[in-house]
Structure formats: structure tokens, C-alpha cells
Amino acid sequence: MSGIILASAVTLSQFFLVAAMACMLYRLVRGPRAQDRVLCFDALYIDGMLLLLTVGIRTGSTLYFEAALAIALLGFVSSVALAKFLMRGEVIE
């Protein structure tokens, strides 16, 4: 019984994550300012990481968890670099 509940919860969460990613892609393309695009990019990589985690829960493979960790690290660094570029106009001083 709990396996059915877990499978349905993971499926439902994957559906909502894909819907959120579609909304963020729309906002990424349509965003009026660069700050909006950076914020959407930040939320997009977080949702991509969460989608990989739900796939990892579904399959039981640890490879997806490692890929999600790499996405989280690279996404954080890229968000900081983009924010620094928008604030100062350069990334490396």
C-alpha cells in the first residue's frame, strides 16, 4: 500500500515540477529585465535538480542523486556569477 502511495506522490510531484519548469521557461523568455531572467534561471535549475531527485527516488539509482548534486553546485556558482555581473558589470576583478 505504501509503495502505491509513494509512486503516485512521485508521479504527481514530477508533473508539478514539469509544469513549474514550463512556466519558468516562459518567464525566462518573456522577462522584461535581466534580473527577472536570472531569477528564473535560478528557479529553473532548482526545479531541474528536484526533477532528477524524483527520478532517482523512482528508479532507486544513486547516479541521479550525484547528478543532482552537481547541478546544485554548478547552478549556485552560475547564479552568483550572474548576480555579480549584473551588479558590477564584471565577474572577475
PDB file of N, CA and C in Angstrom:
ATOM      1  N   MET A   1       0.815  -1.195   0.000  1.00  0.00           N
ATOM      2  CA  MET A   1       0.000   0.000   0.000  1.00  0.00           C
ATOM      3  C   MET A   1       0.861   1.263   0.000  1.00  0.00           C
ATOM      4  N   SER A   2       1.921   1.274   0.828  1.00  0.00           N
ATOM      5  CA  SER A   2       2.762   2.467   0.894  1.00  0.00           C
ATOM      6  C   SER A   2       3.570   2.641  -0.396  1.00  0.00           C
ATOM      7  N   GLY A   3       3.851   1.554  -1.106  1.00  0.00           N
ATOM      8  CA  GLY A   3       4.545   1.659  -2.387  1.00  0.00           C
ATOM      9  C   GLY A   3       3.693   2.350  -3.435  1.00  0.00           C
ATOM     10  N   ILE A   4       2.398   2.090  -3.401  1.00  0.00           N
ATOM     11  CA  ILE A   4       1.479   2.740  -4.341  1.00  0.00           C
ATOM     12  C   ILE A   4       1.374   4.230  -4.029  1.00  0.00           C
ATOM     13  N   ILE A   5       1.317   4.556  -2.754  1.00  0.00           N
ATOM     14  CA  ILE A   5       1.231   5.961  -2.356  1.00  0.00           C
ATOM     15  C   ILE A   5       2.508   6.698  -2.737  1.00  0.00           C
ATOM     16  N   LEU A   6       3.662   6.074  -2.518  1.00  0.00           N
ATOM     17  CA  LEU A   6       4.928   6.704  -2.879  1.00  0.00           C
ATOM     18  C   LEU A   6       5.035   6.901  -4.387  1.00  0.00           C
ATOM     19  N   ALA A   7       4.645   5.910  -5.161  1.00  0.00           N
ATOM     20  CA  ALA A   7       4.716   6.023  -6.622  1.00  0.00           C
ATOM     21  C   ALA A   7       3.782   7.117  -7.140  1.00  0.00           C
ATOM     22  N   SER A   8       2.588   7.189  -6.585  1.00  0.00           N
ATOM     23  CA  SER A   8       1.660   8.228  -7.040  1.00  0.00           C
ATOM     24  C   SER A   8       2.121   9.623  -6.594  1.00  0.00           C
ATOM     25  N   ALA A   9       2.706   9.730  -5.414  1.00  0.00           N
ATOM     26  CA  ALA A   9       3.206  11.026  -4.945  1.00  0.00           C
ATOM     27  C   ALA A   9       4.388  11.498  -5.794  1.00  0.00           C
ATOM     28  N   VAL A  10       5.268  10.581  -6.160  1.00  0.00           N
ATOM     29  CA  VAL A  10       6.410  10.938  -7.006  1.00  0.00           C
ATOM     30  C   VAL A  10       5.931  11.347  -8.394  1.00  0.00           C
ATOM     31  N   THR A  11       4.962  10.626  -8.940  1.00  0.00           N
ATOM     32  CA  THR A  11       4.417  10.972 -10.253  1.00  0.00           C
ATOM     33  C   THR A  11       3.755  12.346 -10.225  1.00  0.00           C
ATOM     34  N   LEU A  12       2.982  12.609  -9.204  1.00  0.00           N
ATOM     35  CA  LEU A  12       2.312  13.903  -9.073  1.00  0.00           C
ATOM     36  C   LEU A  12       3.329  15.037  -8.911  1.00  0.00           C
ATOM     37  N   SER A  13       4.357  14.801  -8.113  1.00  0.00           N
ATOM     38  CA  SER A  13       5.374  15.843  -7.933  1.00  0.00           C
ATOM     39  C   SER A  13       6.155  16.081  -9.216  1.00  0.00           C
ATOM     40  N   GLN A  14       6.407  15.035  -9.997  1.00  0.00           N
ATOM     41  CA  GLN A  14       7.083  15.221 -11.274  1.00  0.00           C
ATOM     42  C   GLN A  14       6.221  16.033 -12.232  1.00  0.00           C
ATOM     43  N   PHE A  15       4.940  15.786 -12.236  1.00  0.00           N
ATOM     44  CA  PHE A  15       4.033  16.556 -13.079  1.00  0.00           C
ATOM     45  C   PHE A  15       4.063  18.033 -12.708  1.00  0.00           C
ATOM     46  N   PHE A  16       3.990  18.336 -11.415  1.00  0.00           N
ATOM     47  CA  PHE A  16       4.000  19.720 -10.970  1.00  0.00           C
ATOM     48  C   PHE A  16       5.349  20.394 -11.222  1.00  0.00           C
ATOM     49  N   LEU A  17       6.434  19.641 -11.102  1.00  0.00           N
ATOM     50  CA  LEU A  17       7.748  20.209 -11.384  1.00  0.00           C
ATOM     51  C   LEU A  17       7.898  20.556 -12.857  1.00  0.00           C
ATOM     52  N   VAL A  18       7.401  19.694 -13.732  1.00  0.00           N
ATOM     53  CA  VAL A  18       7.463  19.979 -15.168  1.00  0.00           C
ATOM     54  C   VAL A  18       6.585  21.190 -15.505  1.00  0.00           C
ATOM     55  N   ALA A  19       5.425  21.294 -14.872  1.00  0.00           N
ATOM     56  CA  ALA A  19       4.564  22.458 -15.100  1.00  0.00           C
ATOM     57  C   ALA A  19       5.237  23.739 -14.612  1.00  0.00           C
ATOM     58  N   ALA A  20       5.902  23.678 -13.474  1.00  0.00           N
ATOM     59  CA  ALA A  20       6.616  24.849 -12.959  1.00  0.00           C
ATOM     60  C   ALA A  20       7.781  25.220 -13.871  1.00  0.00           C
ATOM     61  N   MET A  21       8.461  24.219 -14.415  1.00  0.00           N
ATOM     62  CA  MET A  21       9.566  24.499 -15.335  1.00  0.00           C
ATOM     63  C   MET A  21       9.066  25.147 -16.620  1.00  0.00           C
ATOM     64  N   ALA A  22       7.898  24.744 -17.082  1.00  0.00           N
ATOM     65  CA  ALA A  22       7.328  25.355 -18.282  1.00  0.00           C
ATOM     66  C   ALA A  22       6.975  26.816 -18.017  1.00  0.00           C
ATOM     67  N   CYS A  23       6.419  27.102 -16.856  1.00  0.00           N
ATOM     68  CA  CYS A  23       6.103  28.495 -16.512  1.00  0.00           C
ATOM     69  C   CYS A  23       7.373  29.337 -16.398  1.00  0.00           C
ATOM     70  N   MET A  24       8.418  28.750 -15.836  1.00  0.00           N
ATOM     71  CA  MET A  24       9.667  29.493 -15.700  1.00  0.00           C
ATOM     72  C   MET A  24      10.359  29.697 -17.040  1.00  0.00           C
ATOM     73  N   LEU A  25      10.258  28.743 -17.933  1.00  0.00           N
ATOM     74  CA  LEU A  25      10.819  28.937 -19.272  1.00  0.00           C
ATOM     75  C   LEU A  25      10.109  30.074 -19.996  1.00  0.00           C
ATOM     76  N   TYR A  26       8.806  30.147 -19.831  1.00  0.00           N
ATOM     77  CA  TYR A  26       8.049  31.256 -20.414  1.00  0.00           C
ATOM     78  C   TYR A  26       8.534  32.580 -19.833  1.00  0.00           C
ATOM     79  N   ARG A  27       8.723  32.617 -18.525  1.00  0.00           N
ATOM     80  CA  ARG A  27       9.169  33.854 -17.880  1.00  0.00           C
ATOM     81  C   ARG A  27      10.610  34.177 -18.249  1.00  0.00           C
ATOM     82  N   LEU A  28      11.419  33.161 -18.472  1.00  0.00           N
ATOM     83  CA  LEU A  28      12.810  33.373 -18.872  1.00  0.00           C
ATOM     84  C   LEU A  28      12.883  34.037 -20.239  1.00  0.00           C
ATOM     85  N   VAL A  29      12.023  33.613 -21.152  1.00  0.00           N
ATOM     86  CA  VAL A  29      12.000  34.193 -22.487  1.00  0.00           C
ATOM     87  C   VAL A  29      11.332  35.563 -22.468  1.00  0.00           C
ATOM     88  N   ARG A  30      10.287  35.701 -21.697  1.00  0.00           N
ATOM     89  CA  ARG A  30       9.458  36.901 -21.718  1.00  0.00           C
ATOM     90  C   ARG A  30       9.926  37.981 -20.747  1.00  0.00           C
ATOM     91  N   GLY A  31      10.797  37.635 -19.782  1.00  0.00           N
ATOM     92  CA  GLY A  31      11.167  38.562 -18.717  1.00  0.00           C
ATOM     93  C   GLY A  31      11.618  39.918 -19.212  1.00  0.00           C
ATOM     94  N   PRO A  32      11.074  40.992 -18.636  1.00  0.00           N
ATOM     95  CA  PRO A  32      11.418  42.322 -19.145  1.00  0.00           C
ATOM     96  C   PRO A  32      12.829  42.773 -18.772  1.00  0.00           C
ATOM     97  N   ARG A  33      13.355  42.299 -17.653  1.00  0.00           N
ATOM     98  CA  ARG A  33      14.681  42.735 -17.206  1.00  0.00           C
ATOM     99  C   ARG A  33      15.606  41.550 -17.054  1.00  0.00           C
ATOM    100  N   ALA A  34      16.879  41.824 -16.990  1.00  0.00           N
ATOM    101  CA  ALA A  34      17.871  40.764 -16.818  1.00  0.00           C
ATOM    102  C   ALA A  34      17.758  40.131 -15.428  1.00  0.00           C
ATOM    103  N   GLN A  35      17.362  40.920 -14.437  1.00  0.00           N
ATOM    104  CA  GLN A  35      17.212  40.372 -13.086  1.00  0.00           C
ATOM    105  C   GLN A  35      16.114  39.317 -13.040  1.00  0.00           C
ATOM    106  N   ASP A  36      15.043  39.530 -13.792  1.00  0.00           N
ATOM    107  CA  ASP A  36      13.974  38.533 -13.860  1.00  0.00           C
ATOM    108  C   ASP A  36      14.473  37.250 -14.504  1.00  0.00           C
ATOM    109  N   ARG A  37      15.289  37.386 -15.518  1.00  0.00           N
ATOM    110  CA  ARG A  37      15.824  36.208 -16.204  1.00  0.00           C
ATOM    111  C   ARG A  37      16.776  35.422 -15.308  1.00  0.00           C
ATOM    112  N   VAL A  38      17.587  36.121 -14.528  1.00  0.00           N
ATOM    113  CA  VAL A  38      18.489  35.439 -13.602  1.00  0.00           C
ATOM    114  C   VAL A  38      17.697  34.708 -12.526  1.00  0.00           C
ATOM    115  N   LEU A  39      16.661  35.333 -12.022  1.00  0.00           N
ATOM    116  CA  LEU A  39      15.818  34.694 -11.007  1.00  0.00           C
ATOM    117  C   LEU A  39      15.125  33.453 -11.567  1.00  0.00           C
ATOM    118  N   CYS A  40      14.642  33.540 -12.800  1.00  0.00           N
ATOM    119  CA  CYS A  40      14.011  32.377 -13.438  1.00  0.00           C
ATOM    120  C   CYS A  40      15.021  31.280 -13.700  1.00  0.00           C
ATOM    121  N   PHE A  41      16.231  31.654 -14.100  1.00  0.00           N
ATOM    122  CA  PHE A  41      17.274  30.657 -14.305  1.00  0.00           C
ATOM    123  C   PHE A  41      17.607  29.945 -13.002  1.00  0.00           C
ATOM    124  N   ASP A  42      17.635  30.683 -11.910  1.00  0.00           N
ATOM    125  CA  ASP A  42      17.909  30.110 -10.600  1.00  0.00           C
ATOM    126  C   ASP A  42      16.819  29.110 -10.208  1.00  0.00           C
ATOM    127  N   ALA A  43      15.579  29.504 -10.379  1.00  0.00           N
ATOM    128  CA  ALA A  43      14.475  28.599 -10.051  1.00  0.00           C
ATOM    129  C   ALA A  43      14.410  27.418 -11.006  1.00  0.00           C
ATOM    130  N   LEU A  44      14.835  27.615 -12.251  1.00  0.00           N
ATOM    131  CA  LEU A  44      14.818  26.542 -13.239  1.00  0.00           C
ATOM    132  C   LEU A  44      15.827  25.458 -12.912  1.00  0.00           C
ATOM    133  N   TYR A  45      17.017  25.838 -12.492  1.00  0.00           N
ATOM    134  CA  TYR A  45      17.982  24.795 -12.145  1.00  0.00           C
ATOM    135  C   TYR A  45      17.582  24.083 -10.858  1.00  0.00           C
ATOM    136  N   ILE A  46      16.935  24.771  -9.947  1.00  0.00           N
ATOM    137  CA  ILE A  46      16.468  24.098  -8.735  1.00  0.00           C
ATOM    138  C   ILE A  46      15.379  23.079  -9.064  1.00  0.00           C
ATOM    139  N   ASP A  47      14.460  23.459  -9.942  1.00  0.00           N
ATOM    140  CA  ASP A  47      13.424  22.504 -10.343  1.00  0.00           C
ATOM    141  C   ASP A  47      13.994  21.339 -11.145  1.00  0.00           C
ATOM    142  N   GLY A  48      14.990  21.599 -11.967  1.00  0.00           N
ATOM    143  CA  GLY A  48      15.652  20.514 -12.687  1.00  0.00           C
ATOM    144  C   GLY A  48      16.338  19.542 -11.737  1.00  0.00           C
ATOM    145  N   MET A  49      16.956  20.095 -10.701  1.00  0.00           N
ATOM    146  CA  MET A  49      17.596  19.252  -9.697  1.00  0.00           C
ATOM    147  C   MET A  49      16.556  18.418  -8.948  1.00  0.00           C
ATOM    148  N   LEU A  50      15.436  19.028  -8.596  1.00  0.00           N
ATOM    149  CA  LEU A  50      14.383  18.292  -7.898  1.00  0.00           C
ATOM    150  C   LEU A  50      13.753  17.224  -8.787  1.00  0.00           C
ATOM    151  N   LEU A  51      13.649  17.505 -10.072  1.00  0.00           N
ATOM    152  CA  LEU A  51      13.130  16.507 -11.003  1.00  0.00           C
ATOM    153  C   LEU A  51      14.069  15.308 -11.090  1.00  0.00           C
ATOM    154  N   LEU A  52      15.369  15.568 -11.112  1.00  0.00           N
ATOM    155  CA  LEU A  52      16.325  14.455 -11.097  1.00  0.00           C
ATOM    156  C   LEU A  52      16.233  13.660  -9.794  1.00  0.00           C
ATOM    157  N   LEU A  53      16.007  14.343  -8.690  1.00  0.00           N
ATOM    158  CA  LEU A  53      15.868  13.624  -7.416  1.00  0.00           C
ATOM    159  C   LEU A  53      14.636  12.731  -7.404  1.00  0.00           C
ATOM    160  N   THR A  54      13.537  13.199  -7.984  1.00  0.00           N
ATOM    161  CA  THR A  54      12.346  12.351  -8.026  1.00  0.00           C
ATOM    162  C   THR A  54      12.539  11.156  -8.961  1.00  0.00           C
ATOM    163  N   VAL A  55      13.285  11.352 -10.043  1.00  0.00           N
ATOM    164  CA  VAL A  55      13.608  10.211 -10.913  1.00  0.00           C
ATOM    165  C   VAL A  55      14.493   9.223 -10.166  1.00  0.00           C
ATOM    166  N   GLY A  56      15.420   9.740  -9.368  1.00  0.00           N
ATOM    167  CA  GLY A  56      16.270   8.871  -8.556  1.00  0.00           C
ATOM    168  C   GLY A  56      15.482   8.103  -7.508  1.00  0.00           C
ATOM    169  N   ILE A  57      14.464   8.718  -6.927  1.00  0.00           N
ATOM    170  CA  ILE A  57      13.613   8.018  -5.968  1.00  0.00           C
ATOM    171  C   ILE A  57      12.828   6.920  -6.675  1.00  0.00           C
ATOM    172  N   ARG A  58      12.339   7.232  -7.869  1.00  0.00           N
ATOM    173  CA  ARG A  58      11.539   6.258  -8.611  1.00  0.00           C
ATOM    174  C   ARG A  58      12.365   5.047  -9.033  1.00  0.00           C
ATOM    175  N   THR A  59      13.595   5.289  -9.535  1.00  0.00           N
ATOM    176  CA  THR A  59      14.414   4.181 -10.035  1.00  0.00           C
ATOM    177  C   THR A  59      15.258   3.530  -8.960  1.00  0.00           C
ATOM    178  N   GLY A  60      15.566   4.247  -7.900  1.00  0.00           N
ATOM    179  CA  GLY A  60      16.404   3.702  -6.845  1.00  0.00           C
ATOM    180  C   GLY A  60      17.889   3.755  -7.171  1.00  0.00           C
ATOM    181  N   SER A  61      18.266   4.503  -8.190  1.00  0.00           N
ATOM    182  CA  SER A  61      19.662   4.609  -8.594  1.00  0.00           C
ATOM    183  C   SER A  61      20.309   5.815  -7.931  1.00  0.00           C
ATOM    184  N   THR A  62      21.555   5.658  -7.490  1.00  0.00           N
ATOM    185  CA  THR A  62      22.259   6.761  -6.848  1.00  0.00           C
ATOM    186  C   THR A  62      22.887   7.708  -7.860  1.00  0.00           C
ATOM    187  N   LEU A  63      22.927   7.313  -9.104  1.00  0.00           N
ATOM    188  CA  LEU A  63      23.512   8.160 -10.140  1.00  0.00           C
ATOM    189  C   LEU A  63      22.746   9.472 -10.273  1.00  0.00           C
ATOM    190  N   TYR A  64      21.440   9.430 -10.141  1.00  0.00           N
ATOM    191  CA  TYR A  64      20.622  10.633 -10.253  1.00  0.00           C
ATOM    192  C   TYR A  64      20.870  11.596  -9.095  1.00  0.00           C
ATOM    193  N   PHE A  65      21.147  11.055  -7.923  1.00  0.00           N
ATOM    194  CA  PHE A  65      21.426  11.905  -6.770  1.00  0.00           C
ATOM    195  C   PHE A  65      22.754  12.627  -6.940  1.00  0.00           C
ATOM    196  N   GLU A  66      23.740  11.940  -7.507  1.00  0.00           N
ATOM    197  CA  GLU A  66      25.032  12.571  -7.755  1.00  0.00           C
ATOM    198  C   GLU A  66      24.920  13.645  -8.833  1.00  0.00           C
ATOM    199  N   ALA A  67      24.130  13.379  -9.858  1.00  0.00           N
ATOM    200  CA  ALA A  67      23.920  14.380 -10.909  1.00  0.00           C
ATOM    201  C   ALA A  67      23.183  15.596 -10.345  1.00  0.00           C
ATOM    202  N   ALA A  68      22.232  15.381  -9.452  1.00  0.00           N
ATOM    203  CA  ALA A  68      21.511  16.492  -8.829  1.00  0.00           C
ATOM    204  C   ALA A  68      22.446  17.331  -7.965  1.00  0.00           C
ATOM    205  N   LEU A  69      23.387  16.691  -7.297  1.00  0.00           N
ATOM    206  CA  LEU A  69      24.362  17.433  -6.503  1.00  0.00           C
ATOM    207  C   LEU A  69      25.253  18.285  -7.392  1.00  0.00           C
ATOM    208  N   ALA A  70      25.674  17.753  -8.516  1.00  0.00           N
ATOM    209  CA  ALA A  70      26.499  18.525  -9.451  1.00  0.00           C
ATOM    210  C   ALA A  70      25.714  19.705 -10.022  1.00  0.00           C
ATOM    211  N   ILE A  71      24.451  19.488 -10.351  1.00  0.00           N
ATOM    212  CA  ILE A  71      23.616  20.584 -10.859  1.00  0.00           C
ATOM    213  C   ILE A  71      23.450  21.664  -9.798  1.00  0.00           C
ATOM    214  N   ALA A  72      23.277  21.259  -8.543  1.00  0.00           N
ATOM    215  CA  ALA A  72      23.114  22.239  -7.470  1.00  0.00           C
ATOM    216  C   ALA A  72      24.373  23.084  -7.297  1.00  0.00           C
ATOM    217  N   LEU A  73      25.530  22.449  -7.338  1.00  0.00           N
ATOM    218  CA  LEU A  73      26.778  23.201  -7.175  1.00  0.00           C
ATOM    219  C   LEU A  73      27.029  24.149  -8.343  1.00  0.00           C
ATOM    220  N   LEU A  74      26.875  23.650  -9.553  1.00  0.00           N
ATOM    221  CA  LEU A  74      27.106  24.493 -10.726  1.00  0.00           C
ATOM    222  C   LEU A  74      26.054  25.596 -10.853  1.00  0.00           C
ATOM    223  N   GLY A  75      24.825  25.297 -10.496  1.00  0.00           N
ATOM    224  CA  GLY A  75      23.769  26.298 -10.552  1.00  0.00           C
ATOM    225  C   GLY A  75      23.998  27.416  -9.558  1.00  0.00           C
ATOM    226  N   PHE A  76      24.456  27.075  -8.365  1.00  0.00           N
ATOM    227  CA  PHE A  76      24.734  28.105  -7.370  1.00  0.00           C
ATOM    228  C   PHE A  76      25.862  29.017  -7.828  1.00  0.00           C
ATOM    229  N   VAL A  77      26.930  28.428  -8.338  1.00  0.00           N
ATOM    230  CA  VAL A  77      28.066  29.224  -8.790  1.00  0.00           C
ATOM    231  C   VAL A  77      27.667  30.122  -9.962  1.00  0.00           C
ATOM    232  N   SER A  78      26.877  29.588 -10.881  1.00  0.00           N
ATOM    233  CA  SER A  78      26.465  30.408 -12.023  1.00  0.00           C
ATOM    234  C   SER A  78      25.512  31.523 -11.598  1.00  0.00           C
ATOM    235  N   SER A  79      24.659  31.271 -10.628  1.00  0.00           N
ATOM    236  CA  SER A  79      23.765  32.326 -10.139  1.00  0.00           C
ATOM    237  C   SER A  79      24.549  33.448  -9.462  1.00  0.00           C
ATOM    238  N   VAL A  80      25.555  33.084  -8.696  1.00  0.00           N
ATOM    239  CA  VAL A  80      26.391  34.095  -8.050  1.00  0.00           C
ATOM    240  C   VAL A  80      27.157  34.888  -9.094  1.00  0.00           C
ATOM    241  N   ALA A  81      27.681  34.212 -10.111  1.00  0.00           N
ATOM    242  CA  ALA A  81      28.427  34.919 -11.157  1.00  0.00           C
ATOM    243  C   ALA A  81      27.516  35.861 -11.948  1.00  0.00           C
ATOM    244  N   LEU A  82      26.315  35.419 -12.267  1.00  0.00           N
ATOM    245  CA  LEU A  82      25.388  36.289 -12.991  1.00  0.00           C
ATOM    246  C   LEU A  82      24.961  37.488 -12.144  1.00  0.00           C
ATOM    247  N   ALA A  83      24.730  37.263 -10.864  1.00  0.00           N
ATOM    248  CA  ALA A  83      24.353  38.371  -9.980  1.00  0.00           C
ATOM    249  C   ALA A  83      25.491  39.373  -9.845  1.00  0.00           C
ATOM    250  N   LYS A  84      26.715  38.868  -9.735  1.00  0.00           N
ATOM    251  CA  LYS A  84      27.862  39.764  -9.644  1.00  0.00           C
ATOM    252  C   LYS A  84      28.054  40.543 -10.943  1.00  0.00           C
ATOM    253  N   PHE A  85      27.818  39.896 -12.063  1.00  0.00           N
ATOM    254  CA  PHE A  85      27.925  40.585 -13.346  1.00  0.00           C
ATOM    255  C   PHE A  85      26.870  41.681 -13.475  1.00  0.00           C
ATOM    256  N   LEU A  86      25.671  41.412 -13.021  1.00  0.00           N
ATOM    257  CA  LEU A  86      24.622  42.431 -13.107  1.00  0.00           C
ATOM    258  C   LEU A  86      24.873  43.595 -12.152  1.00  0.00           C
ATOM    259  N   MET A  87      25.495  43.316 -11.018  1.00  0.00           N
ATOM    260  CA  MET A  87      25.755  44.388 -10.056  1.00  0.00           C
ATOM    261  C   MET A  87      26.929  45.269 -10.457  1.00  0.00           C
ATOM    262  N   ARG A  88      28.018  44.653 -10.926  1.00  0.00           N
ATOM    263  CA  ARG A  88      29.244  45.404 -11.180  1.00  0.00           C
ATOM    264  C   ARG A  88      29.644  45.491 -12.647  1.00  0.00           C
ATOM    265  N   GLY A  89      29.102  44.635 -13.485  1.00  0.00           N
ATOM    266  CA  GLY A  89      29.471  44.649 -14.891  1.00  0.00           C
ATOM    267  C   GLY A  89      30.648  43.768 -15.223  1.00  0.00           C
ATOM    268  N   GLU A  90      31.228  43.112 -14.208  1.00  0.00           N
ATOM    269  CA  GLU A  90      32.331  42.182 -14.433  1.00  0.00           C
ATOM    270  C   GLU A  90      32.257  41.077 -13.395  1.00  0.00           C
ATOM    271  N   VAL A  91      32.790  39.920 -13.753  1.00  0.00           N
ATOM    272  CA  VAL A  91      32.755  38.799 -12.831  1.00  0.00           C
ATOM    273  C   VAL A  91      34.075  38.689 -12.089  1.00  0.00           C
ATOM    274  N   ILE A  92      35.161  38.793 -12.803  1.00  0.00           N
ATOM    275  CA  ILE A  92      36.497  38.698 -12.184  1.00  0.00           C
ATOM    276  C   ILE A  92      37.078  40.098 -12.068  1.00  0.00           C
ATOM    277  N   GLU A  93      37.489  40.423 -10.863  1.00  0.00           N
ATOM    278  CA  GLU A  93      38.020  41.772 -10.633  1.00  0.00           C
ATOM    279  C   GLU A  93      39.498  41.832 -10.880  1.00  0.00           C
TER     280      GLU A  93
END
